[in-house]
Amino acid sequence: MFFVDHASVKVVARAALETYLVFFYLYGNSDQSLCEFRHNTWCLGGLVDRQQFHVSTEQGREVLAREKKQIEELKSKIESSQEIRTYTEKQRKKLLEGEWRIGNGWANLGVSAGFHQKYFENIYGYLCGYSHSSYLSAIQVGQAQSVSDQQMLTQSVLGIGVVLMAHFAFSYSAAFNTASVVLSANPSAMRVAEKWRFGPEDMAAIYDR
């Protein structure tokens, strides 16, 4: 039996969207010192998370012990940075506990990355429904019996992917000079990416009513 697995496409799309938002949050600022600070807090968050895992092998225990030292080194870098002074005492504590987003929800990160807030909330909420097995996603999977409906539901998500790649093309090239050279050398590709890099002003007529 042939079918189009649009549900899995949406789960992958959500992962790609979150990955881009993390990339932009970490490296999408022209202030390299801020980028390094955010990178350190992100690394700290991941290592702190792993300390909570149960390990049953000697190798696993050695990894956690080694990473405890990395955690202390990262905390020292974060605490001595200029950037941490812009946070409240409570926020500093959270950062050092591994909460690298420090109160920024995915919608906040989406707006910072150049997406219209309502547009982002709509697509992100929709994709999360599939990732978390919501009843609404189950309804849609059940109703999309024909291949044509499954294709339609897939194509709409691929459109989101195109927008995401367009944003990434400019963000990545802004962060890395070699990528900027490649993009600038291909004006036609740059025009296509610019066309699909929808921002708040492009969505205003739809969402700001």
C-alpha atoms as a PDB file:
ATOM      1  CA  MET A   1       0.000   0.000   0.000  1.00  0.00           C
ATOM      2  CA  PHE A   2       1.362   3.391  -1.014  1.00  0.00           C
ATOM      3  CA  PHE A   3       0.965   6.412   1.271  1.00  0.00           C
ATOM      4  CA  VAL A   4       2.724   9.683   2.065  1.00  0.00           C
ATOM      5  CA  ASP A   5       3.911   9.856   5.674  1.00  0.00           C
ATOM      6  CA  HIS A   6       3.092  13.520   6.240  1.00  0.00           C
ATOM      7  CA  ALA A   7       3.110  13.067  10.035  1.00  0.00           C
ATOM      8  CA  SER A   8       6.796  12.123  10.118  1.00  0.00           C
ATOM      9  CA  VAL A   9       7.611  15.036   7.820  1.00  0.00           C
ATOM     10  CA  LYS A  10       6.071  17.393  10.382  1.00  0.00           C
ATOM     11  CA  VAL A  11       8.057  15.899  13.249  1.00  0.00           C
ATOM     12  CA  VAL A  12      11.279  16.365  11.267  1.00  0.00           C
ATOM     13  CA  ALA A  13      10.236  19.902  10.292  1.00  0.00           C
ATOM     14  CA  ARG A  14       9.744  20.827  13.930  1.00  0.00           C
ATOM     15  CA  ALA A  15      13.206  19.504  14.801  1.00  0.00           C
ATOM     16  CA  ALA A  16      14.713  21.497  11.930  1.00  0.00           C
ATOM     17  CA  LEU A  17      12.908  24.653  13.044  1.00  0.00           C
ATOM     18  CA  GLU A  18      14.122  24.351  16.628  1.00  0.00           C
ATOM     19  CA  THR A  19      17.651  23.621  15.421  1.00  0.00           C
ATOM     20  CA  TYR A  20      17.643  26.811  13.365  1.00  0.00           C
ATOM     21  CA  LEU A  21      16.315  28.873  16.267  1.00  0.00           C
ATOM     22  CA  VAL A  22      19.091  27.570  18.520  1.00  0.00           C
ATOM     23  CA  PHE A  23      21.674  28.325  15.829  1.00  0.00           C
ATOM     24  CA  PHE A  24      20.392  31.868  15.405  1.00  0.00           C
ATOM     25  CA  TYR A  25      20.218  32.473  19.143  1.00  0.00           C
ATOM     26  CA  LEU A  26      23.795  31.296  19.615  1.00  0.00           C
ATOM     27  CA  TYR A  27      25.485  32.737  16.530  1.00  0.00           C
ATOM     28  CA  GLY A  28      23.097  35.222  14.910  1.00  0.00           C
ATOM     29  CA  ASN A  29      24.477  38.274  16.697  1.00  0.00           C
ATOM     30  CA  SER A  30      27.301  40.443  15.405  1.00  0.00           C
ATOM     31  CA  ASP A  31      28.705  40.694  18.940  1.00  0.00           C
ATOM     32  CA  GLN A  32      31.136  37.789  19.039  1.00  0.00           C
ATOM     33  CA  SER A  33      31.555  38.046  22.789  1.00  0.00           C
ATOM     34  CA  LEU A  34      27.815  37.552  23.248  1.00  0.00           C
ATOM     35  CA  CYS A  35      27.865  34.611  20.839  1.00  0.00           C
ATOM     36  CA  GLU A  36      30.651  32.967  22.838  1.00  0.00           C
ATOM     37  CA  PHE A  37      28.766  33.572  26.086  1.00  0.00           C
ATOM     38  CA  ARG A  38      25.579  32.019  24.738  1.00  0.00           C
ATOM     39  CA  HIS A  39      27.536  29.104  23.295  1.00  0.00           C
ATOM     40  CA  ASN A  40      29.058  28.449  26.710  1.00  0.00           C
ATOM     41  CA  THR A  41      25.672  28.535  28.458  1.00  0.00           C
ATOM     42  CA  TRP A  42      24.265  26.157  25.840  1.00  0.00           C
ATOM     43  CA  CYS A  43      27.144  23.720  26.305  1.00  0.00           C
ATOM     44  CA  LEU A  44      26.715  23.941  30.065  1.00  0.00           C
ATOM     45  CA  GLY A  45      23.020  23.134  29.741  1.00  0.00           C
ATOM     46  CA  GLY A  46      23.693  19.976  27.765  1.00  0.00           C
ATOM     47  CA  LEU A  47      26.390  18.738  30.123  1.00  0.00           C
ATOM     48  CA  VAL A  48      24.253  19.455  33.184  1.00  0.00           C
ATOM     49  CA  ASP A  49      21.397  17.505  31.610  1.00  0.00           C
ATOM     50  CA  ARG A  50      23.621  14.480  31.087  1.00  0.00           C
ATOM     51  CA  GLN A  51      24.676  14.508  34.743  1.00  0.00           C
ATOM     52  CA  GLN A  52      21.085  13.569  35.576  1.00  0.00           C
ATOM     53  CA  PHE A  53      21.183  10.390  33.476  1.00  0.00           C
ATOM     54  CA  HIS A  54      21.572   7.003  35.123  1.00  0.00           C
ATOM     55  CA  VAL A  55      24.706   5.174  33.976  1.00  0.00           C
ATOM     56  CA  SER A  56      25.368   1.492  34.446  1.00  0.00           C
ATOM     57  CA  THR A  57      28.840   1.111  32.939  1.00  0.00           C
ATOM     58  CA  GLU A  58      32.284   2.159  34.069  1.00  0.00           C
ATOM     59  CA  GLN A  59      32.782   4.020  30.811  1.00  0.00           C
ATOM     60  CA  GLY A  60      29.618   6.007  31.446  1.00  0.00           C
ATOM     61  CA  ARG A  61      30.741   6.932  34.945  1.00  0.00           C
ATOM     62  CA  GLU A  62      34.096   8.060  33.584  1.00  0.00           C
ATOM     63  CA  VAL A  63      32.368  10.295  31.030  1.00  0.00           C
ATOM     64  CA  LEU A  64      30.232  11.943  33.718  1.00  0.00           C
ATOM     65  CA  ALA A  65      33.234  12.446  35.969  1.00  0.00           C
ATOM     66  CA  ARG A  66      35.210  14.011  33.132  1.00  0.00           C
ATOM     67  CA  GLU A  67      32.301  16.256  32.200  1.00  0.00           C
ATOM     68  CA  LYS A  68      31.919  17.453  35.791  1.00  0.00           C
ATOM     69  CA  LYS A  69      35.289  19.151  35.335  1.00  0.00           C
ATOM     70  CA  GLN A  70      34.094  20.696  32.052  1.00  0.00           C
ATOM     71  CA  ILE A  71      30.997  21.976  33.844  1.00  0.00           C
ATOM     72  CA  GLU A  72      33.090  23.740  36.469  1.00  0.00           C
ATOM     73  CA  GLU A  73      35.302  25.273  33.777  1.00  0.00           C
ATOM     74  CA  LEU A  74      32.272  26.541  31.860  1.00  0.00           C
ATOM     75  CA  LYS A  75      30.698  27.961  35.008  1.00  0.00           C
ATOM     76  CA  SER A  76      33.913  29.837  35.722  1.00  0.00           C
ATOM     77  CA  LYS A  77      33.950  31.312  32.197  1.00  0.00           C
ATOM     78  CA  ILE A  78      30.298  32.299  32.412  1.00  0.00           C
ATOM     79  CA  GLU A  79      30.614  33.865  35.852  1.00  0.00           C
ATOM     80  CA  SER A  80      33.650  35.929  34.825  1.00  0.00           C
ATOM     81  CA  SER A  81      32.103  37.187  31.558  1.00  0.00           C
ATOM     82  CA  GLN A  82      30.878  40.722  30.973  1.00  0.00           C
ATOM     83  CA  GLU A  83      27.573  39.449  29.588  1.00  0.00           C
ATOM     84  CA  ILE A  84      26.380  37.834  32.798  1.00  0.00           C
ATOM     85  CA  ARG A  85      26.260  41.270  34.423  1.00  0.00           C
ATOM     86  CA  THR A  86      23.205  42.107  32.324  1.00  0.00           C
ATOM     87  CA  TYR A  87      21.187  39.397  34.114  1.00  0.00           C
ATOM     88  CA  THR A  88      19.504  39.537  37.494  1.00  0.00           C
ATOM     89  CA  GLU A  89      20.792  37.451  40.370  1.00  0.00           C
ATOM     90  CA  LYS A  90      17.960  34.990  39.874  1.00  0.00           C
ATOM     91  CA  GLN A  91      18.685  34.705  36.152  1.00  0.00           C
ATOM     92  CA  ARG A  92      22.377  34.171  36.799  1.00  0.00           C
ATOM     93  CA  LYS A  93      21.551  31.300  39.084  1.00  0.00           C
ATOM     94  CA  LYS A  94      19.344  29.736  36.410  1.00  0.00           C
ATOM     95  CA  LEU A  95      22.059  30.122  33.776  1.00  0.00           C
ATOM     96  CA  LEU A  96      24.576  28.373  35.995  1.00  0.00           C
ATOM     97  CA  GLU A  97      22.060  25.587  36.568  1.00  0.00           C
ATOM     98  CA  GLY A  98      21.987  24.972  32.833  1.00  0.00           C
ATOM     99  CA  GLU A  99      18.885  26.910  31.748  1.00  0.00           C
ATOM    100  CA  TRP A 100      20.555  28.488  28.738  1.00  0.00           C
ATOM    101  CA  ARG A 101      17.382  29.924  27.202  1.00  0.00           C
ATOM    102  CA  ILE A 102      16.799  31.835  30.452  1.00  0.00           C
ATOM    103  CA  GLY A 103      13.074  32.411  30.092  1.00  0.00           C
ATOM    104  CA  ASN A 104      13.036  32.649  26.299  1.00  0.00           C
ATOM    105  CA  GLY A 105      10.284  30.449  24.933  1.00  0.00           C
ATOM    106  CA  TRP A 106      10.424  29.142  21.383  1.00  0.00           C
ATOM    107  CA  ALA A 107       8.102  31.953  20.267  1.00  0.00           C
ATOM    108  CA  ASN A 108      10.543  34.527  21.668  1.00  0.00           C
ATOM    109  CA  LEU A 109      13.393  32.884  19.798  1.00  0.00           C
ATOM    110  CA  GLY A 110      11.268  32.743  16.643  1.00  0.00           C
ATOM    111  CA  VAL A 111      10.554  36.472  16.726  1.00  0.00           C
ATOM    112  CA  SER A 112      14.233  37.232  17.420  1.00  0.00           C
ATOM    113  CA  ALA A 113      15.153  35.116  14.399  1.00  0.00           C
ATOM    114  CA  GLY A 114      12.961  37.230  12.121  1.00  0.00           C
ATOM    115  CA  PHE A 115       9.632  35.395  11.986  1.00  0.00           C
ATOM    116  CA  HIS A 116       6.249  37.029  12.397  1.00  0.00           C
ATOM    117  CA  GLN A 117       5.036  36.122  15.877  1.00  0.00           C
ATOM    118  CA  LYS A 118       1.567  34.851  14.918  1.00  0.00           C
ATOM    119  CA  TYR A 119       2.945  33.010  11.887  1.00  0.00           C
ATOM    120  CA  PHE A 120       5.531  31.309  14.060  1.00  0.00           C
ATOM    121  CA  GLU A 121       3.060  30.431  16.803  1.00  0.00           C
ATOM    122  CA  ASN A 122       0.688  28.916  14.241  1.00  0.00           C
ATOM    123  CA  ILE A 123       3.206  26.710  12.482  1.00  0.00           C
ATOM    124  CA  TYR A 124       5.132  25.785  15.614  1.00  0.00           C
ATOM    125  CA  GLY A 125       2.007  24.843  17.522  1.00  0.00           C
ATOM    126  CA  TYR A 126       0.823  22.779  14.571  1.00  0.00           C
ATOM    127  CA  LEU A 127       4.129  20.918  14.252  1.00  0.00           C
ATOM    128  CA  CYS A 128       4.331  20.348  18.022  1.00  0.00           C
ATOM    129  CA  GLY A 129       0.917  18.701  17.891  1.00  0.00           C
ATOM    130  CA  TYR A 130       2.374  15.986  15.680  1.00  0.00           C
ATOM    131  CA  SER A 131       5.518  15.662  17.768  1.00  0.00           C
ATOM    132  CA  HIS A 132       3.475  15.193  20.947  1.00  0.00           C
ATOM    133  CA  SER A 133       0.733  12.978  19.510  1.00  0.00           C
ATOM    134  CA  SER A 134      -2.078  15.450  20.101  1.00  0.00           C
ATOM    135  CA  TYR A 135      -5.645  14.412  19.398  1.00  0.00           C
ATOM    136  CA  LEU A 136      -5.920  16.991  16.615  1.00  0.00           C
ATOM    137  CA  SER A 137      -2.964  15.454  14.805  1.00  0.00           C
ATOM    138  CA  ALA A 138      -4.561  12.004  15.171  1.00  0.00           C
ATOM    139  CA  ILE A 139      -7.779  13.367  13.662  1.00  0.00           C
ATOM    140  CA  GLN A 140      -5.908  14.770  10.680  1.00  0.00           C
ATOM    141  CA  VAL A 141      -3.973  11.535  10.121  1.00  0.00           C
ATOM    142  CA  GLY A 142      -7.235   9.590  10.193  1.00  0.00           C
ATOM    143  CA  GLN A 143      -9.034  11.955   7.833  1.00  0.00           C
ATOM    144  CA  ALA A 144      -6.256  12.093   5.238  1.00  0.00           C
ATOM    145  CA  GLN A 145      -7.111   8.765   3.622  1.00  0.00           C
ATOM    146  CA  SER A 146      -6.312   9.651   0.020  1.00  0.00           C
ATOM    147  CA  VAL A 147      -2.777  10.015  -1.290  1.00  0.00           C
ATOM    148  CA  SER A 148      -3.673  13.421  -2.728  1.00  0.00           C
ATOM    149  CA  ASP A 149      -4.668  14.682   0.735  1.00  0.00           C
ATOM    150  CA  GLN A 150      -1.492  13.245   2.220  1.00  0.00           C
ATOM    151  CA  GLN A 151       0.554  14.965  -0.479  1.00  0.00           C
ATOM    152  CA  MET A 152      -1.215  18.268   0.176  1.00  0.00           C
ATOM    153  CA  LEU A 153      -0.474  18.035   3.899  1.00  0.00           C
ATOM    154  CA  THR A 154       3.161  17.261   3.117  1.00  0.00           C
ATOM    155  CA  GLN A 155       3.616  20.060   0.592  1.00  0.00           C
ATOM    156  CA  SER A 156       2.460  22.699   3.051  1.00  0.00           C
ATOM    157  CA  VAL A 157       5.176  21.605   5.475  1.00  0.00           C
ATOM    158  CA  LEU A 158       7.791  21.534   2.721  1.00  0.00           C
ATOM    159  CA  GLY A 159       6.867  25.160   2.130  1.00  0.00           C
ATOM    160  CA  ILE A 160       7.743  25.891   5.750  1.00  0.00           C
ATOM    161  CA  GLY A 161      11.039  24.115   5.126  1.00  0.00           C
ATOM    162  CA  VAL A 162      11.803  26.390   2.180  1.00  0.00           C
ATOM    163  CA  VAL A 163      11.193  29.479   4.320  1.00  0.00           C
ATOM    164  CA  LEU A 164      13.427  28.016   7.014  1.00  0.00           C
ATOM    165  CA  MET A 165      16.254  27.299   4.566  1.00  0.00           C
ATOM    166  CA  ALA A 166      15.997  30.827   3.170  1.00  0.00           C
ATOM    167  CA  HIS A 167      16.429  32.311   6.645  1.00  0.00           C
ATOM    168  CA  PHE A 168      19.288  29.941   7.350  1.00  0.00           C
ATOM    169  CA  ALA A 169      21.107  30.865   4.126  1.00  0.00           C
ATOM    170  CA  PHE A 170      21.435  34.476   5.235  1.00  0.00           C
ATOM    171  CA  SER A 171      22.046  33.775   8.927  1.00  0.00           C
ATOM    172  CA  TYR A 172      24.769  31.238   8.220  1.00  0.00           C
ATOM    173  CA  SER A 173      26.490  33.416   5.629  1.00  0.00           C
ATOM    174  CA  ALA A 174      26.400  36.360   8.060  1.00  0.00           C
ATOM    175  CA  ALA A 175      28.135  34.249  10.696  1.00  0.00           C
ATOM    176  CA  PHE A 176      30.828  32.752   8.446  1.00  0.00           C
ATOM    177  CA  ASN A 177      32.776  34.739   5.857  1.00  0.00           C
ATOM    178  CA  THR A 178      33.455  31.752   3.610  1.00  0.00           C
ATOM    179  CA  ALA A 179      29.719  31.068   3.350  1.00  0.00           C
ATOM    180  CA  SER A 180      29.069  34.752   2.634  1.00  0.00           C
ATOM    181  CA  VAL A 181      31.497  34.607  -0.285  1.00  0.00           C
ATOM    182  CA  VAL A 182      29.726  31.566  -1.731  1.00  0.00           C
ATOM    183  CA  LEU A 183      26.276  33.148  -1.437  1.00  0.00           C
ATOM    184  CA  SER A 184      27.415  36.496  -2.865  1.00  0.00           C
ATOM    185  CA  ALA A 185      28.967  34.708  -5.839  1.00  0.00           C
ATOM    186  CA  ASN A 186      25.585  33.299  -6.818  1.00  0.00           C
ATOM    187  CA  PRO A 187      23.168  36.234  -7.305  1.00  0.00           C
ATOM    188  CA  SER A 188      20.364  34.018  -8.625  1.00  0.00           C
ATOM    189  CA  ALA A 189      20.474  31.787  -5.535  1.00  0.00           C
ATOM    190  CA  MET A 190      20.539  34.868  -3.334  1.00  0.00           C
ATOM    191  CA  ARG A 191      17.435  36.258  -5.051  1.00  0.00           C
ATOM    192  CA  VAL A 192      15.560  32.998  -4.520  1.00  0.00           C
ATOM    193  CA  ALA A 193      16.568  32.894  -0.854  1.00  0.00           C
ATOM    194  CA  GLU A 194      15.549  36.524  -0.386  1.00  0.00           C
ATOM    195  CA  LYS A 195      12.175  35.838  -1.999  1.00  0.00           C
ATOM    196  CA  TRP A 196      11.421  33.061   0.500  1.00  0.00           C
ATOM    197  CA  ARG A 197      12.849  34.763   3.584  1.00  0.00           C
ATOM    198  CA  PHE A 198       9.464  35.852   4.859  1.00  0.00           C
ATOM    199  CA  GLY A 199       9.648  38.342   7.700  1.00  0.00           C
ATOM    200  CA  PRO A 200       7.100  40.178   9.853  1.00  0.00           C
ATOM    201  CA  GLU A 201       6.409  42.804   7.177  1.00  0.00           C
ATOM    202  CA  ASP A 202       5.608  40.098   4.601  1.00  0.00           C
ATOM    203  CA  MET A 203       3.069  38.495   6.934  1.00  0.00           C
ATOM    204  CA  ALA A 204       1.490  41.674   8.269  1.00  0.00           C
ATOM    205  CA  ALA A 205      -1.375  41.705   5.766  1.00  0.00           C
ATOM    206  CA  ILE A 206      -2.389  38.202   6.873  1.00  0.00           C
ATOM    207  CA  TYR A 207      -1.812  38.252  10.610  1.00  0.00           C
ATOM    208  CA  ASP A 208      -2.029  41.908  11.696  1.00  0.00           C
ATOM    209  CA  ARG A 209      -5.754  42.402  11.147  1.00  0.00           C
END
